[in-house]
């Protein structure tokens, strides 16, 4: 009709439902048929615009008829626009509800997983303690009867001690998701507490700290202290035997977050460990080289994520480590 009678009878907005661009854009499953249908609508609409620019209509109509037809076209366009708006709002609500449902399912799954982790780690502690107690009785009864038995008992006891540490770490890790309140946190006071608690090892290894006055941030004080404590402990631990640990703490303020960097002069980390270093119970060295069960950086990552930030490091082997993390600026809320 538009080609025969001209642009006046071009119900251009009628092509919008066929284009279906809003629905195609927000559709979760974009099928081939929908994409082809939308593309054909775009091509048809484009061709008609080109046709009206280059060709006259085959049938010439009077101005009066065109005036009446324009009124009809305007009403049709209004109706179609309202229908499209209604469809778009309906689809948009479905999309939002779908996202909410998936978010609720994810939160429920996370809660179930955290609860499962808590129950498992809590229930595993009791039989481990019982086994450890009976092992001590057996070792006491068999003491002196065989040197190999004493060696075996010591080995089993050490391994059970490591398992106990892993269970306790897993239990603590599962508790990190509990609701905690953000407060104004003085980082200088946090560092002073850490240095006071670790004054023996700091004095023994002659640790050198370098940092300027740090800012006050909105955070969970206990978690931020744990974050700095793990990173500082690692910086002191992973050193060559003859080295004097040097730890430098810097920060910069951005519009929506704080960025911190804790660097040291230790043994460094290779780029090969970029993906796994923040995983739970990941060790990069033998137990005979460095103590630990590989949970510190997993705790750091969880704490930073709870503060809507991210953590990463710059890999430099034998040139020290640089750990960066961000803390989002926010008002006091609960997590």
C-alpha atoms as a PDB file:
ATOM      1  CA  UNK A   1       0.000   0.000   0.000  1.00  0.00           C
ATOM      2  CA  UNK A   2       2.843   2.380   0.860  1.00  0.00           C
ATOM      3  CA  UNK A   3       4.514   1.810  -2.543  1.00  0.00           C
ATOM      4  CA  UNK A   4       1.217   2.341  -4.418  1.00  0.00           C
ATOM      5  CA  UNK A   5      -0.108   5.370  -2.512  1.00  0.00           C
ATOM      6  CA  UNK A   6       3.086   7.011  -1.257  1.00  0.00           C
ATOM      7  CA  UNK A   7       4.789   7.884   2.009  1.00  0.00           C
ATOM      8  CA  UNK A   8       1.564   9.134   3.588  1.00  0.00           C
ATOM      9  CA  UNK A   9       0.305   5.571   3.751  1.00  0.00           C
ATOM     10  CA  UNK A  10       3.584   4.256   5.089  1.00  0.00           C
ATOM     11  CA  UNK A  11       2.628   2.893   8.486  1.00  0.00           C
ATOM     12  CA  UNK A  12       6.256   3.020   9.523  1.00  0.00           C
ATOM     13  CA  UNK A  13       5.678   2.336  13.193  1.00  0.00           C
ATOM     14  CA  UNK A  14       3.915  -0.881  12.279  1.00  0.00           C
ATOM     15  CA  UNK A  15       7.331  -2.272  11.451  1.00  0.00           C
ATOM     16  CA  UNK A  16       8.532  -1.794  15.001  1.00  0.00           C
ATOM     17  CA  UNK A  17       6.786  -4.932  16.329  1.00  0.00           C
ATOM     18  CA  UNK A  18       8.360  -6.872  13.473  1.00  0.00           C
ATOM     19  CA  UNK A  19      11.736  -5.398  14.208  1.00  0.00           C
ATOM     20  CA  UNK A  20      11.281  -6.391  17.815  1.00  0.00           C
ATOM     21  CA  UNK A  21      14.651  -4.872  18.624  1.00  0.00           C
ATOM     22  CA  UNK A  22      13.949  -4.267  22.320  1.00  0.00           C
ATOM     23  CA  UNK A  23      12.749  -7.832  22.717  1.00  0.00           C
ATOM     24  CA  UNK A  24      15.691  -9.222  20.764  1.00  0.00           C
ATOM     25  CA  UNK A  25      18.168  -7.186  22.783  1.00  0.00           C
ATOM     26  CA  UNK A  26      16.761  -8.210  26.171  1.00  0.00           C
ATOM     27  CA  UNK A  27      15.854 -11.751  25.207  1.00  0.00           C
ATOM     28  CA  UNK A  28      17.911 -14.293  27.141  1.00  0.00           C
ATOM     29  CA  UNK A  29      17.786 -16.880  24.357  1.00  0.00           C
ATOM     30  CA  UNK A  30      18.335 -15.185  21.018  1.00  0.00           C
ATOM     31  CA  UNK A  31      17.112 -17.744  18.462  1.00  0.00           C
ATOM     32  CA  UNK A  32      18.088 -17.600  14.797  1.00  0.00           C
ATOM     33  CA  UNK A  33      14.482 -17.089  13.662  1.00  0.00           C
ATOM     34  CA  UNK A  34      14.054 -14.003  15.839  1.00  0.00           C
ATOM     35  CA  UNK A  35      17.297 -12.482  14.642  1.00  0.00           C
ATOM     36  CA  UNK A  36      16.452 -13.124  10.971  1.00  0.00           C
ATOM     37  CA  UNK A  37      12.945 -11.735  11.457  1.00  0.00           C
ATOM     38  CA  UNK A  38      14.308  -8.567  13.073  1.00  0.00           C
ATOM     39  CA  UNK A  39      16.909  -8.180  10.304  1.00  0.00           C
ATOM     40  CA  UNK A  40      14.263  -8.513   7.578  1.00  0.00           C
ATOM     41  CA  UNK A  41      12.203  -5.830   9.308  1.00  0.00           C
ATOM     42  CA  UNK A  42      15.179  -3.473   9.369  1.00  0.00           C
ATOM     43  CA  UNK A  43      15.907  -4.135   5.688  1.00  0.00           C
ATOM     44  CA  UNK A  44      12.258  -3.587   4.705  1.00  0.00           C
ATOM     45  CA  UNK A  45      12.032  -0.350   6.651  1.00  0.00           C
ATOM     46  CA  UNK A  46      15.316   0.877   5.092  1.00  0.00           C
ATOM     47  CA  UNK A  47      14.195  -0.034   1.591  1.00  0.00           C
ATOM     48  CA  UNK A  48      10.879   1.842   1.930  1.00  0.00           C
ATOM     49  CA  UNK A  49      12.695   4.984   3.077  1.00  0.00           C
ATOM     50  CA  UNK A  50      14.980   4.696   0.047  1.00  0.00           C
ATOM     51  CA  UNK A  51      11.991   4.026  -2.272  1.00  0.00           C
ATOM     52  CA  UNK A  52      10.063   7.112  -1.142  1.00  0.00           C
ATOM     53  CA  UNK A  53      13.150   9.266  -1.714  1.00  0.00           C
ATOM     54  CA  UNK A  54      13.704   8.101  -5.294  1.00  0.00           C
ATOM     55  CA  UNK A  55      10.217   7.220  -6.632  1.00  0.00           C
ATOM     56  CA  UNK A  56       6.795   8.820  -6.843  1.00  0.00           C
ATOM     57  CA  UNK A  57       3.701   6.816  -5.794  1.00  0.00           C
ATOM     58  CA  UNK A  58       1.845   4.916  -8.526  1.00  0.00           C
ATOM     59  CA  UNK A  59      -1.526   6.370  -7.506  1.00  0.00           C
ATOM     60  CA  UNK A  60      -1.906  10.076  -6.728  1.00  0.00           C
ATOM     61  CA  UNK A  61      -4.423  10.856  -3.972  1.00  0.00           C
ATOM     62  CA  UNK A  62      -6.133  14.148  -3.108  1.00  0.00           C
ATOM     63  CA  UNK A  63      -4.946  16.335  -0.240  1.00  0.00           C
ATOM     64  CA  UNK A  64      -8.235  15.739   1.585  1.00  0.00           C
ATOM     65  CA  UNK A  65      -7.823  11.953   1.396  1.00  0.00           C
ATOM     66  CA  UNK A  66      -4.229  12.270   2.521  1.00  0.00           C
ATOM     67  CA  UNK A  67      -5.339  14.404   5.478  1.00  0.00           C
ATOM     68  CA  UNK A  68      -7.871  11.793   6.580  1.00  0.00           C
ATOM     69  CA  UNK A  69      -5.352   9.014   6.052  1.00  0.00           C
ATOM     70  CA  UNK A  70      -2.767  10.876   8.143  1.00  0.00           C
ATOM     71  CA  UNK A  71      -5.238  11.040  11.044  1.00  0.00           C
ATOM     72  CA  UNK A  72      -5.843   7.298  10.747  1.00  0.00           C
ATOM     73  CA  UNK A  73      -2.092   6.692  10.540  1.00  0.00           C
ATOM     74  CA  UNK A  74      -1.475   8.796  13.640  1.00  0.00           C
ATOM     75  CA  UNK A  75      -4.074   6.845  15.641  1.00  0.00           C
ATOM     76  CA  UNK A  76      -2.630   3.567  14.419  1.00  0.00           C
ATOM     77  CA  UNK A  77       0.880   4.712  15.298  1.00  0.00           C
ATOM     78  CA  UNK A  78      -0.266   5.758  18.774  1.00  0.00           C
ATOM     79  CA  UNK A  79      -1.992   2.438  19.359  1.00  0.00           C
ATOM     80  CA  UNK A  80       0.954   0.439  18.087  1.00  0.00           C
ATOM     81  CA  UNK A  81       3.363   2.488  20.203  1.00  0.00           C
ATOM     82  CA  UNK A  82       1.282   1.849  23.323  1.00  0.00           C
ATOM     83  CA  UNK A  83       1.133  -1.857  22.547  1.00  0.00           C
ATOM     84  CA  UNK A  84       4.890  -1.976  21.982  1.00  0.00           C
ATOM     85  CA  UNK A  85       5.484  -0.067  25.222  1.00  0.00           C
ATOM     86  CA  UNK A  86       3.227  -2.476  27.075  1.00  0.00           C
ATOM     87  CA  UNK A  87       5.011  -5.487  25.591  1.00  0.00           C
ATOM     88  CA  UNK A  88       8.383  -3.962  26.345  1.00  0.00           C
ATOM     89  CA  UNK A  89       7.462  -3.222  29.983  1.00  0.00           C
ATOM     90  CA  UNK A  90       6.027  -6.703  30.371  1.00  0.00           C
ATOM     91  CA  UNK A  91       9.159  -8.337  28.973  1.00  0.00           C
ATOM     92  CA  UNK A  92      11.326  -6.026  31.032  1.00  0.00           C
ATOM     93  CA  UNK A  93       9.482  -7.034  34.216  1.00  0.00           C
ATOM     94  CA  UNK A  94       9.859 -10.699  33.303  1.00  0.00           C
ATOM     95  CA  UNK A  95      13.566 -10.150  32.741  1.00  0.00           C
ATOM     96  CA  UNK A  96      13.966  -8.344  36.084  1.00  0.00           C
ATOM     97  CA  UNK A  97      11.984 -11.030  37.908  1.00  0.00           C
ATOM     98  CA  UNK A  98      14.120 -13.688  36.229  1.00  0.00           C
ATOM     99  CA  UNK A  99      17.282 -11.962  37.475  1.00  0.00           C
ATOM    100  CA  UNK A 100      15.815 -11.676  40.981  1.00  0.00           C
ATOM    101  CA  UNK A 101      14.891 -15.362  40.994  1.00  0.00           C
ATOM    102  CA  UNK A 102      18.375 -16.354  39.888  1.00  0.00           C
ATOM    103  CA  UNK A 103      19.921 -14.062  42.494  1.00  0.00           C
ATOM    104  CA  UNK A 104      17.749 -15.573  45.221  1.00  0.00           C
ATOM    105  CA  UNK A 105      18.673 -19.082  44.048  1.00  0.00           C
ATOM    106  CA  UNK A 106      22.365 -18.142  44.076  1.00  0.00           C
ATOM    107  CA  UNK A 107      22.112 -16.644  47.562  1.00  0.00           C
ATOM    108  CA  UNK A 108      20.249 -19.738  48.771  1.00  0.00           C
ATOM    109  CA  UNK A 109      22.872 -22.044  47.249  1.00  0.00           C
ATOM    110  CA  UNK A 110      25.674 -19.975  48.786  1.00  0.00           C
ATOM    111  CA  UNK A 111      23.991 -20.143  52.180  1.00  0.00           C
ATOM    112  CA  UNK A 112      23.512 -23.899  51.876  1.00  0.00           C
ATOM    113  CA  UNK A 113      27.136 -24.332  50.830  1.00  0.00           C
ATOM    114  CA  UNK A 114      28.409 -22.172  53.685  1.00  0.00           C
ATOM    115  CA  UNK A 115      26.159 -23.996  56.142  1.00  0.00           C
ATOM    116  CA  UNK A 116      27.359 -27.341  54.810  1.00  0.00           C
ATOM    117  CA  UNK A 117      30.983 -26.211  55.168  1.00  0.00           C
ATOM    118  CA  UNK A 118      30.323 -25.059  58.717  1.00  0.00           C
ATOM    119  CA  UNK A 119      28.612 -28.311  59.724  1.00  0.00           C
ATOM    120  CA  UNK A 120      31.286 -30.482  58.123  1.00  0.00           C
ATOM    121  CA  UNK A 121      34.189 -28.608  59.659  1.00  0.00           C
ATOM    122  CA  UNK A 122      32.473 -28.442  63.050  1.00  0.00           C
ATOM    123  CA  UNK A 123      31.557 -32.135  63.093  1.00  0.00           C
ATOM    124  CA  UNK A 124      34.968 -33.247  61.868  1.00  0.00           C
ATOM    125  CA  UNK A 125      36.712 -31.606  64.807  1.00  0.00           C
ATOM    126  CA  UNK A 126      35.171 -33.922  67.422  1.00  0.00           C
ATOM    127  CA  UNK A 127      36.249 -37.303  65.952  1.00  0.00           C
ATOM    128  CA  UNK A 128      39.683 -35.836  65.225  1.00  0.00           C
ATOM    129  CA  UNK A 129      40.114 -34.805  68.855  1.00  0.00           C
ATOM    130  CA  UNK A 130      38.928 -38.224  69.991  1.00  0.00           C
ATOM    131  CA  UNK A 131      41.367 -39.966  67.663  1.00  0.00           C
ATOM    132  CA  UNK A 132      44.190 -37.716  68.851  1.00  0.00           C
ATOM    133  CA  UNK A 133      43.418 -38.505  72.493  1.00  0.00           C
ATOM    134  CA  UNK A 134      43.399 -42.276  71.930  1.00  0.00           C
ATOM    135  CA  UNK A 135      46.611 -41.955  69.931  1.00  0.00           C
ATOM    136  CA  UNK A 136      48.276 -40.384  72.947  1.00  0.00           C
ATOM    137  CA  UNK A 137      47.103 -43.281  75.139  1.00  0.00           C
ATOM    138  CA  UNK A 138      48.429 -45.836  72.654  1.00  0.00           C
ATOM    139  CA  UNK A 139      51.745 -43.983  72.365  1.00  0.00           C
ATOM    140  CA  UNK A 140      52.044 -43.906  76.154  1.00  0.00           C
ATOM    141  CA  UNK A 141      51.357 -47.653  76.420  1.00  0.00           C
ATOM    142  CA  UNK A 142      53.834 -48.512  73.648  1.00  0.00           C
ATOM    143  CA  UNK A 143      56.480 -45.972  74.652  1.00  0.00           C
ATOM    144  CA  UNK A 144      59.989 -47.465  74.651  1.00  0.00           C
ATOM    145  CA  UNK A 145      58.904 -50.807  73.194  1.00  0.00           C
ATOM    146  CA  UNK A 146      59.966 -49.937  69.662  1.00  0.00           C
ATOM    147  CA  UNK A 147      61.751 -46.888  68.272  1.00  0.00           C
ATOM    148  CA  UNK A 148      59.886 -47.172  64.976  1.00  0.00           C
ATOM    149  CA  UNK A 149      56.563 -46.961  66.840  1.00  0.00           C
ATOM    150  CA  UNK A 150      57.642 -43.656  68.396  1.00  0.00           C
ATOM    151  CA  UNK A 151      58.599 -42.341  64.964  1.00  0.00           C
ATOM    152  CA  UNK A 152      55.270 -43.441  63.481  1.00  0.00           C
ATOM    153  CA  UNK A 153      53.301 -41.911  66.357  1.00  0.00           C
ATOM    154  CA  UNK A 154      55.125 -38.609  65.974  1.00  0.00           C
ATOM    155  CA  UNK A 155      54.431 -38.578  62.247  1.00  0.00           C
ATOM    156  CA  UNK A 156      50.725 -39.353  62.742  1.00  0.00           C
ATOM    157  CA  UNK A 157      50.476 -36.728  65.470  1.00  0.00           C
ATOM    158  CA  UNK A 158      52.003 -34.062  63.202  1.00  0.00           C
ATOM    159  CA  UNK A 159      49.645 -34.919  60.370  1.00  0.00           C
ATOM    160  CA  UNK A 160      46.617 -34.842  62.673  1.00  0.00           C
ATOM    161  CA  UNK A 161      47.761 -31.463  63.947  1.00  0.00           C
ATOM    162  CA  UNK A 162      47.855 -30.174  60.381  1.00  0.00           C
ATOM    163  CA  UNK A 163      44.392 -31.623  59.730  1.00  0.00           C
ATOM    164  CA  UNK A 164      43.093 -29.917  62.874  1.00  0.00           C
ATOM    165  CA  UNK A 165      44.489 -26.597  61.624  1.00  0.00           C
ATOM    166  CA  UNK A 166      42.836 -27.118  58.253  1.00  0.00           C
ATOM    167  CA  UNK A 167      39.463 -27.892  59.843  1.00  0.00           C
ATOM    168  CA  UNK A 168      39.679 -24.847  62.096  1.00  0.00           C
ATOM    169  CA  UNK A 169      40.649 -22.688  59.122  1.00  0.00           C
ATOM    170  CA  UNK A 170      37.725 -24.043  57.122  1.00  0.00           C
ATOM    171  CA  UNK A 171      35.397 -23.330  60.039  1.00  0.00           C
ATOM    172  CA  UNK A 172      36.707 -19.771  60.353  1.00  0.00           C
ATOM    173  CA  UNK A 173      36.449 -19.273  56.595  1.00  0.00           C
ATOM    174  CA  UNK A 174      32.784 -20.321  56.613  1.00  0.00           C
ATOM    175  CA  UNK A 175      32.045 -17.794  59.370  1.00  0.00           C
ATOM    176  CA  UNK A 176      33.341 -14.899  57.281  1.00  0.00           C
ATOM    177  CA  UNK A 177      30.000 -14.632  55.478  1.00  0.00           C
ATOM    178  CA  UNK A 178      28.035 -13.889  58.651  1.00  0.00           C
ATOM    179  CA  UNK A 179      26.553 -10.414  59.046  1.00  0.00           C
ATOM    180  CA  UNK A 180      29.093  -7.902  60.262  1.00  0.00           C
ATOM    181  CA  UNK A 181      28.832  -4.143  60.592  1.00  0.00           C
ATOM    182  CA  UNK A 182      30.944  -1.629  58.751  1.00  0.00           C
ATOM    183  CA  UNK A 183      32.593   0.996  60.939  1.00  0.00           C
ATOM    184  CA  UNK A 184      35.031   3.840  60.516  1.00  0.00           C
ATOM    185  CA  UNK A 185      38.344   1.991  60.798  1.00  0.00           C
ATOM    186  CA  UNK A 186      41.652   3.607  61.685  1.00  0.00           C
ATOM    187  CA  UNK A 187      44.260   1.697  59.684  1.00  0.00           C
ATOM    188  CA  UNK A 188      47.137   3.229  61.633  1.00  0.00           C
ATOM    189  CA  UNK A 189      45.694   1.744  64.813  1.00  0.00           C
ATOM    190  CA  UNK A 190      45.232  -1.604  63.044  1.00  0.00           C
ATOM    191  CA  UNK A 191      48.891  -1.676  61.992  1.00  0.00           C
ATOM    192  CA  UNK A 192      50.002  -0.682  65.496  1.00  0.00           C
ATOM    193  CA  UNK A 193      48.053  -3.632  66.952  1.00  0.00           C
ATOM    194  CA  UNK A 194      49.558  -6.059  64.426  1.00  0.00           C
ATOM    195  CA  UNK A 195      53.099  -4.833  65.087  1.00  0.00           C
ATOM    196  CA  UNK A 196      52.571  -5.113  68.824  1.00  0.00           C
ATOM    197  CA  UNK A 197      51.192  -8.659  68.576  1.00  0.00           C
ATOM    198  CA  UNK A 198      54.057  -9.763  66.329  1.00  0.00           C
ATOM    199  CA  UNK A 199      56.788  -7.794  68.090  1.00  0.00           C
ATOM    200  CA  UNK A 200      58.774 -10.952  68.876  1.00  0.00           C
ATOM    201  CA  UNK A 201      59.149 -12.132  65.289  1.00  0.00           C
ATOM    202  CA  UNK A 202      59.596  -8.527  64.097  1.00  0.00           C
ATOM    203  CA  UNK A 203      62.404  -8.021  66.580  1.00  0.00           C
ATOM    204  CA  UNK A 204      63.968 -11.399  65.849  1.00  0.00           C
ATOM    205  CA  UNK A 205      64.112 -10.788  62.078  1.00  0.00           C
ATOM    206  CA  UNK A 206      64.731  -7.019  62.277  1.00  0.00           C
ATOM    207  CA  UNK A 207      61.721  -6.288  60.066  1.00  0.00           C
ATOM    208  CA  UNK A 208      61.730  -2.808  58.532  1.00  0.00           C
ATOM    209  CA  UNK A 209      58.328  -1.160  58.013  1.00  0.00           C
ATOM    210  CA  UNK A 210      57.788   1.820  55.737  1.00  0.00           C
ATOM    211  CA  UNK A 211      54.459   3.596  55.385  1.00  0.00           C
ATOM    212  CA  UNK A 212      52.949   7.047  55.653  1.00  0.00           C
ATOM    213  CA  UNK A 213      49.865   7.966  57.641  1.00  0.00           C
ATOM    214  CA  UNK A 214      47.075   5.718  56.353  1.00  0.00           C
ATOM    215  CA  UNK A 215      43.462   6.879  55.905  1.00  0.00           C
ATOM    216  CA  UNK A 216      40.351   6.009  57.870  1.00  0.00           C
ATOM    217  CA  UNK A 217      38.008   3.806  55.841  1.00  0.00           C
ATOM    218  CA  UNK A 218      34.541   2.301  56.200  1.00  0.00           C
ATOM    219  CA  UNK A 219      35.152  -1.407  56.802  1.00  0.00           C
ATOM    220  CA  UNK A 220      34.794  -4.299  59.226  1.00  0.00           C
ATOM    221  CA  UNK A 221      37.726  -3.667  61.617  1.00  0.00           C
ATOM    222  CA  UNK A 222      38.281  -7.319  62.571  1.00  0.00           C
ATOM    223  CA  UNK A 223      38.387  -8.421  58.938  1.00  0.00           C
ATOM    224  CA  UNK A 224      40.626  -5.584  57.793  1.00  0.00           C
ATOM    225  CA  UNK A 225      43.025  -6.432  60.600  1.00  0.00           C
ATOM    226  CA  UNK A 226      43.020 -10.084  59.488  1.00  0.00           C
ATOM    227  CA  UNK A 227      43.665  -8.974  55.894  1.00  0.00           C
ATOM    228  CA  UNK A 228      46.700  -6.845  56.762  1.00  0.00           C
ATOM    229  CA  UNK A 229      47.931  -9.457  59.240  1.00  0.00           C
ATOM    230  CA  UNK A 230      47.964 -12.244  56.626  1.00  0.00           C
ATOM    231  CA  UNK A 231      49.762 -10.134  54.033  1.00  0.00           C
ATOM    232  CA  UNK A 232      52.337  -8.844  56.532  1.00  0.00           C
ATOM    233  CA  UNK A 233      52.905 -12.346  57.914  1.00  0.00           C
ATOM    234  CA  UNK A 234      53.525 -13.683  54.409  1.00  0.00           C
ATOM    235  CA  UNK A 235      55.906 -10.825  53.683  1.00  0.00           C
ATOM    236  CA  UNK A 236      57.936 -11.742  56.777  1.00  0.00           C
ATOM    237  CA  UNK A 237      57.759 -15.488  56.219  1.00  0.00           C
ATOM    238  CA  UNK A 238      58.673 -15.862  52.561  1.00  0.00           C
ATOM    239  CA  UNK A 239      62.208 -14.507  52.743  1.00  0.00           C
ATOM    240  CA  UNK A 240      65.667 -15.857  52.140  1.00  0.00           C
ATOM    241  CA  UNK A 241      67.408 -16.927  55.336  1.00  0.00           C
ATOM    242  CA  UNK A 242      69.951 -14.112  55.350  1.00  0.00           C
ATOM    243  CA  UNK A 243      67.561 -11.361  54.223  1.00  0.00           C
ATOM    244  CA  UNK A 244      66.174  -8.576  56.406  1.00  0.00           C
ATOM    245  CA  UNK A 245      62.444  -8.258  55.613  1.00  0.00           C
ATOM    246  CA  UNK A 246      61.450  -4.846  54.271  1.00  0.00           C
ATOM    247  CA  UNK A 247      57.729  -4.135  54.066  1.00  0.00           C
ATOM    248  CA  UNK A 248      56.357  -1.033  52.354  1.00  0.00           C
ATOM    249  CA  UNK A 249      52.667  -0.087  52.593  1.00  0.00           C
ATOM    250  CA  UNK A 250      51.234   2.546  50.245  1.00  0.00           C
ATOM    251  CA  UNK A 251      47.766   3.651  49.172  1.00  0.00           C
ATOM    252  CA  UNK A 252      45.971   5.942  46.767  1.00  0.00           C
ATOM    253  CA  UNK A 253      42.475   7.367  46.898  1.00  0.00           C
ATOM    254  CA  UNK A 254      40.178   6.967  43.911  1.00  0.00           C
ATOM    255  CA  UNK A 255      36.678   8.294  43.382  1.00  0.00           C
ATOM    256  CA  UNK A 256      34.841   5.150  44.519  1.00  0.00           C
ATOM    257  CA  UNK A 257      37.476   3.047  46.284  1.00  0.00           C
ATOM    258  CA  UNK A 258      40.773   2.940  48.167  1.00  0.00           C
ATOM    259  CA  UNK A 259      43.675   1.047  46.638  1.00  0.00           C
ATOM    260  CA  UNK A 260      46.407  -0.365  48.875  1.00  0.00           C
ATOM    261  CA  UNK A 261      49.716  -2.018  48.083  1.00  0.00           C
ATOM    262  CA  UNK A 262      51.847  -4.145  50.405  1.00  0.00           C
ATOM    263  CA  UNK A 263      55.244  -4.851  48.898  1.00  0.00           C
ATOM    264  CA  UNK A 264      58.270  -6.712  50.277  1.00  0.00           C
ATOM    265  CA  UNK A 265      61.752  -7.844  49.304  1.00  0.00           C
ATOM    266  CA  UNK A 266      61.067 -11.558  49.647  1.00  0.00           C
ATOM    267  CA  UNK A 267      61.369 -14.516  47.292  1.00  0.00           C
ATOM    268  CA  UNK A 268      58.512 -13.344  45.069  1.00  0.00           C
ATOM    269  CA  UNK A 269      55.916 -15.329  43.141  1.00  0.00           C
ATOM    270  CA  UNK A 270      55.959 -16.599  39.568  1.00  0.00           C
ATOM    271  CA  UNK A 271      53.295 -15.780  36.994  1.00  0.00           C
ATOM    272  CA  UNK A 272      52.428 -19.492  36.765  1.00  0.00           C
ATOM    273  CA  UNK A 273      50.734 -19.285  40.167  1.00  0.00           C
ATOM    274  CA  UNK A 274      48.534 -16.315  39.243  1.00  0.00           C
ATOM    275  CA  UNK A 275      45.307 -18.352  39.060  1.00  0.00           C
ATOM    276  CA  UNK A 276      45.688 -20.723  42.003  1.00  0.00           C
ATOM    277  CA  UNK A 277      47.431 -18.670  44.681  1.00  0.00           C
ATOM    278  CA  UNK A 278      44.143 -17.414  46.169  1.00  0.00           C
ATOM    279  CA  UNK A 279      42.577 -20.896  46.340  1.00  0.00           C
ATOM    280  CA  UNK A 280      41.967 -22.593  49.684  1.00  0.00           C
ATOM    281  CA  UNK A 281      44.738 -24.925  50.939  1.00  0.00           C
ATOM    282  CA  UNK A 282      47.086 -23.981  48.095  1.00  0.00           C
ATOM    283  CA  UNK A 283      50.760 -24.276  48.933  1.00  0.00           C
ATOM    284  CA  UNK A 284      53.532 -23.166  46.588  1.00  0.00           C
ATOM    285  CA  UNK A 285      56.357 -24.552  48.702  1.00  0.00           C
ATOM    286  CA  UNK A 286      57.170 -27.724  50.635  1.00  0.00           C
ATOM    287  CA  UNK A 287      56.306 -27.921  54.322  1.00  0.00           C
ATOM    288  CA  UNK A 288      60.003 -28.372  55.065  1.00  0.00           C
ATOM    289  CA  UNK A 289      60.723 -24.995  53.411  1.00  0.00           C
ATOM    290  CA  UNK A 290      57.976 -22.785  54.841  1.00  0.00           C
ATOM    291  CA  UNK A 291      55.310 -23.498  57.451  1.00  0.00           C
ATOM    292  CA  UNK A 292      51.615 -23.055  56.791  1.00  0.00           C
ATOM    293  CA  UNK A 293      48.597 -24.814  55.301  1.00  0.00           C
ATOM    294  CA  UNK A 294      47.822 -22.426  52.436  1.00  0.00           C
ATOM    295  CA  UNK A 295      44.764 -20.531  53.668  1.00  0.00           C
ATOM    296  CA  UNK A 296      46.033 -16.989  54.239  1.00  0.00           C
ATOM    297  CA  UNK A 297      45.504 -15.588  50.759  1.00  0.00           C
ATOM    298  CA  UNK A 298      42.132 -17.341  50.431  1.00  0.00           C
ATOM    299  CA  UNK A 299      41.064 -15.445  53.562  1.00  0.00           C
ATOM    300  CA  UNK A 300      42.412 -12.215  52.053  1.00  0.00           C
ATOM    301  CA  UNK A 301      40.418 -12.690  48.859  1.00  0.00           C
ATOM    302  CA  UNK A 302      37.189 -13.446  50.745  1.00  0.00           C
ATOM    303  CA  UNK A 303      37.626 -10.414  53.007  1.00  0.00           C
ATOM    304  CA  UNK A 304      38.340  -8.080  50.090  1.00  0.00           C
ATOM    305  CA  UNK A 305      35.306  -9.388  48.175  1.00  0.00           C
ATOM    306  CA  UNK A 306      33.137  -8.801  51.239  1.00  0.00           C
ATOM    307  CA  UNK A 307      34.247  -5.162  50.998  1.00  0.00           C
ATOM    308  CA  UNK A 308      33.297  -5.070  47.278  1.00  0.00           C
ATOM    309  CA  UNK A 309      36.918  -4.932  46.205  1.00  0.00           C
ATOM    310  CA  UNK A 310      39.426  -7.113  44.402  1.00  0.00           C
ATOM    311  CA  UNK A 311      42.926  -8.373  45.144  1.00  0.00           C
ATOM    312  CA  UNK A 312      45.828  -9.216  42.827  1.00  0.00           C
ATOM    313  CA  UNK A 313      49.599  -9.328  42.756  1.00  0.00           C
ATOM    314  CA  UNK A 314      52.429  -8.522  40.381  1.00  0.00           C
ATOM    315  CA  UNK A 315      54.474 -11.662  39.683  1.00  0.00           C
ATOM    316  CA  UNK A 316      58.215 -11.110  40.188  1.00  0.00           C
ATOM    317  CA  UNK A 317      60.290 -14.072  41.230  1.00  0.00           C
ATOM    318  CA  UNK A 318      63.305 -13.309  43.440  1.00  0.00           C
ATOM    319  CA  UNK A 319      62.425  -9.602  43.367  1.00  0.00           C
ATOM    320  CA  UNK A 320      59.880  -9.436  46.153  1.00  0.00           C
ATOM    321  CA  UNK A 321      56.082  -9.437  46.071  1.00  0.00           C
ATOM    322  CA  UNK A 322      53.563  -6.681  45.470  1.00  0.00           C
ATOM    323  CA  UNK A 323      50.003  -7.364  46.608  1.00  0.00           C
ATOM    324  CA  UNK A 324      47.316  -4.873  45.630  1.00  0.00           C
ATOM    325  CA  UNK A 325      43.758  -4.755  46.920  1.00  0.00           C
ATOM    326  CA  UNK A 326      40.866  -2.303  46.802  1.00  0.00           C
ATOM    327  CA  UNK A 327      38.234  -1.390  49.373  1.00  0.00           C
ATOM    328  CA  UNK A 328      35.103   0.258  48.055  1.00  0.00           C
ATOM    329  CA  UNK A 329      33.991   3.497  49.646  1.00  0.00           C
ATOM    330  CA  UNK A 330      30.591   3.087  51.231  1.00  0.00           C
ATOM    331  CA  UNK A 331      28.403   4.062  54.126  1.00  0.00           C
ATOM    332  CA  UNK A 332      28.005   1.843  57.161  1.00  0.00           C
ATOM    333  CA  UNK A 333      26.004  -1.156  56.025  1.00  0.00           C
ATOM    334  CA  UNK A 334      25.727  -4.774  56.964  1.00  0.00           C
ATOM    335  CA  UNK A 335      27.127  -7.632  54.908  1.00  0.00           C
END
